[in-house]
Each structure stands twice: as structure tokens, then as C-alpha cells.
Amino acid sequence: MSEPNQPPVLLYHKVDPRLEAGFTRVSPAAFRAHLDFLARRGVRARSLSDLFD
């Protein structure tokens, strides 16, 4: 979890259909499902420059 007033950061080391899923690796389908889940809850991506402006 992020600290109060700090944006959460998602990190994926690999998104690849050829790799077995793991803690830092997901398939493209799982990655899409994660993004869809967040979008349905109103979460929007921000660039680093947006955060520091």
C-alpha cells in the first residue's frame, strides 16, 4: 500500500506470453485484466512529469 498522499506505483518486470507467471511476471491477458480492473474503479495512469509539476 502507498503512504497517505503518495501515489501507488505498479511494477511489472515482464509481460510476456512465453513466461510462466510469477511475482513480477504476468501474461498479456493478466496484465490487461489488471488494467481493466483499475479502470473500472476509476484509477487513471499518470506520468512522472504530471506528479512532479
N, C-alpha and C. Protein backbone atom coordinates (compact mmCIF):
# COMPACT_ATOMS: atom_id res chain seq x y z
N MET A 1 0.84 -1.18 0.00
CA MET A 1 0.00 0.00 0.00
C MET A 1 0.88 1.24 0.00
N SER A 2 0.33 2.29 -0.57
CA SER A 2 1.08 3.54 -0.59
C SER A 2 0.82 4.32 0.69
N GLU A 3 1.73 5.19 1.01
CA GLU A 3 1.58 6.08 2.15
C GLU A 3 0.54 7.13 1.82
N PRO A 4 -0.09 7.74 2.83
CA PRO A 4 -1.04 8.81 2.55
C PRO A 4 -0.39 9.91 1.70
N ASN A 5 -1.13 10.41 0.73
CA ASN A 5 -0.68 11.47 -0.18
C ASN A 5 0.47 11.05 -1.09
N GLN A 6 0.72 9.76 -1.18
CA GLN A 6 1.73 9.26 -2.10
C GLN A 6 1.04 8.38 -3.14
N PRO A 7 1.36 8.56 -4.41
CA PRO A 7 0.70 7.74 -5.43
C PRO A 7 1.19 6.30 -5.39
N PRO A 8 0.30 5.35 -5.62
CA PRO A 8 0.76 3.97 -5.72
C PRO A 8 1.53 3.77 -7.02
N VAL A 9 2.46 2.87 -7.01
CA VAL A 9 3.26 2.57 -8.19
C VAL A 9 3.13 1.09 -8.49
N LEU A 10 2.75 0.78 -9.71
CA LEU A 10 2.68 -0.62 -10.15
C LEU A 10 3.95 -0.94 -10.91
N LEU A 11 4.49 -2.12 -10.69
CA LEU A 11 5.72 -2.51 -11.36
C LEU A 11 5.59 -3.93 -11.88
N TYR A 12 5.79 -4.08 -13.15
CA TYR A 12 5.82 -5.40 -13.78
C TYR A 12 7.19 -5.53 -14.45
N HIS A 13 7.91 -6.57 -14.12
CA HIS A 13 9.22 -6.77 -14.74
C HIS A 13 9.07 -7.32 -16.15
N LYS A 14 8.10 -8.19 -16.34
CA LYS A 14 7.89 -8.78 -17.66
C LYS A 14 6.40 -9.01 -17.89
N VAL A 15 5.95 -8.65 -19.09
CA VAL A 15 4.62 -9.02 -19.59
C VAL A 15 4.91 -9.81 -20.85
N ASP A 16 4.76 -11.12 -20.77
CA ASP A 16 5.20 -11.98 -21.87
C ASP A 16 4.41 -13.28 -21.85
N PRO A 17 3.81 -13.65 -22.98
CA PRO A 17 3.03 -14.89 -23.01
C PRO A 17 3.89 -16.15 -22.91
N ARG A 18 5.17 -16.02 -23.13
CA ARG A 18 6.05 -17.20 -23.12
C ARG A 18 6.58 -17.54 -21.74
N LEU A 19 6.39 -16.66 -20.78
CA LEU A 19 6.93 -16.89 -19.44
C LEU A 19 5.86 -17.41 -18.50
N GLU A 20 6.29 -18.24 -17.58
CA GLU A 20 5.38 -18.69 -16.53
C GLU A 20 5.14 -17.52 -15.58
N ALA A 21 3.89 -17.36 -15.17
CA ALA A 21 3.54 -16.25 -14.27
C ALA A 21 4.30 -16.39 -12.96
N GLY A 22 4.64 -15.27 -12.38
CA GLY A 22 5.34 -15.24 -11.11
C GLY A 22 5.06 -13.93 -10.42
N PHE A 23 5.80 -13.64 -9.37
CA PHE A 23 5.57 -12.43 -8.57
C PHE A 23 5.75 -11.17 -9.39
N THR A 24 6.70 -11.15 -10.32
CA THR A 24 6.96 -9.95 -11.12
C THR A 24 6.73 -10.17 -12.61
N ARG A 25 6.11 -11.28 -12.97
CA ARG A 25 5.84 -11.59 -14.37
C ARG A 25 4.37 -11.95 -14.55
N VAL A 26 3.78 -11.44 -15.63
CA VAL A 26 2.39 -11.78 -15.94
C VAL A 26 2.25 -11.98 -17.44
N SER A 27 1.19 -12.67 -17.81
CA SER A 27 0.85 -12.82 -19.22
C SER A 27 0.19 -11.53 -19.70
N PRO A 28 0.16 -11.30 -21.01
CA PRO A 28 -0.56 -10.13 -21.52
C PRO A 28 -2.03 -10.12 -21.11
N ALA A 29 -2.66 -11.29 -21.07
CA ALA A 29 -4.07 -11.36 -20.67
C ALA A 29 -4.25 -10.93 -19.21
N ALA A 30 -3.35 -11.37 -18.34
CA ALA A 30 -3.44 -10.98 -16.93
C ALA A 30 -3.17 -9.50 -16.76
N PHE A 31 -2.21 -8.97 -17.52
CA PHE A 31 -1.90 -7.54 -17.46
C PHE A 31 -3.12 -6.73 -17.88
N ARG A 32 -3.77 -7.13 -18.98
CA ARG A 32 -4.98 -6.46 -19.45
C ARG A 32 -6.06 -6.53 -18.38
N ALA A 33 -6.22 -7.68 -17.74
CA ALA A 33 -7.23 -7.83 -16.68
C ALA A 33 -6.92 -6.89 -15.52
N HIS A 34 -5.67 -6.74 -15.16
CA HIS A 34 -5.28 -5.82 -14.08
C HIS A 34 -5.65 -4.38 -14.45
N LEU A 35 -5.31 -3.98 -15.69
CA LEU A 35 -5.62 -2.62 -16.14
C LEU A 35 -7.13 -2.38 -16.21
N ASP A 36 -7.88 -3.37 -16.69
CA ASP A 36 -9.34 -3.25 -16.75
C ASP A 36 -9.93 -3.10 -15.35
N PHE A 37 -9.43 -3.88 -14.41
CA PHE A 37 -9.89 -3.81 -13.02
C PHE A 37 -9.70 -2.39 -12.47
N LEU A 38 -8.51 -1.85 -12.68
CA LEU A 38 -8.22 -0.50 -12.19
C LEU A 38 -9.08 0.55 -12.89
N ALA A 39 -9.25 0.42 -14.19
CA ALA A 39 -10.05 1.38 -14.96
C ALA A 39 -11.51 1.38 -14.49
N ARG A 40 -12.05 0.20 -14.21
CA ARG A 40 -13.44 0.11 -13.72
C ARG A 40 -13.61 0.82 -12.39
N ARG A 41 -12.55 0.96 -11.65
CA ARG A 41 -12.61 1.63 -10.35
C ARG A 41 -12.16 3.09 -10.42
N GLY A 42 -12.00 3.58 -11.64
CA GLY A 42 -11.69 4.99 -11.83
C GLY A 42 -10.22 5.36 -11.68
N VAL A 43 -9.35 4.38 -11.59
CA VAL A 43 -7.92 4.66 -11.47
C VAL A 43 -7.40 5.06 -12.85
N ARG A 44 -6.65 6.12 -12.91
CA ARG A 44 -6.08 6.60 -14.16
C ARG A 44 -4.57 6.70 -14.04
N ALA A 45 -3.90 6.36 -15.12
CA ALA A 45 -2.43 6.44 -15.14
C ALA A 45 -1.99 7.89 -15.19
N ARG A 46 -0.89 8.16 -14.56
CA ARG A 46 -0.28 9.50 -14.56
C ARG A 46 1.18 9.34 -14.93
N SER A 47 1.71 10.30 -15.63
CA SER A 47 3.14 10.26 -15.96
C SER A 47 3.93 10.81 -14.77
N LEU A 48 5.20 10.50 -14.73
CA LEU A 48 6.04 11.04 -13.67
C LEU A 48 6.09 12.55 -13.73
N SER A 49 6.11 13.12 -14.93
CA SER A 49 6.15 14.58 -15.03
C SER A 49 4.86 15.20 -14.47
N ASP A 50 3.71 14.53 -14.63
CA ASP A 50 2.46 15.02 -14.02
C ASP A 50 2.58 15.08 -12.51
N LEU A 51 3.22 14.09 -11.93
CA LEU A 51 3.32 14.02 -10.48
C LEU A 51 4.24 15.08 -9.89
N PHE A 52 5.20 15.54 -10.67
CA PHE A 52 6.18 16.49 -10.15
C PHE A 52 5.94 17.92 -10.60
N ASP A 53 4.90 18.15 -11.40
CA ASP A 53 4.56 19.52 -11.82
C ASP A 53 3.77 20.24 -10.76
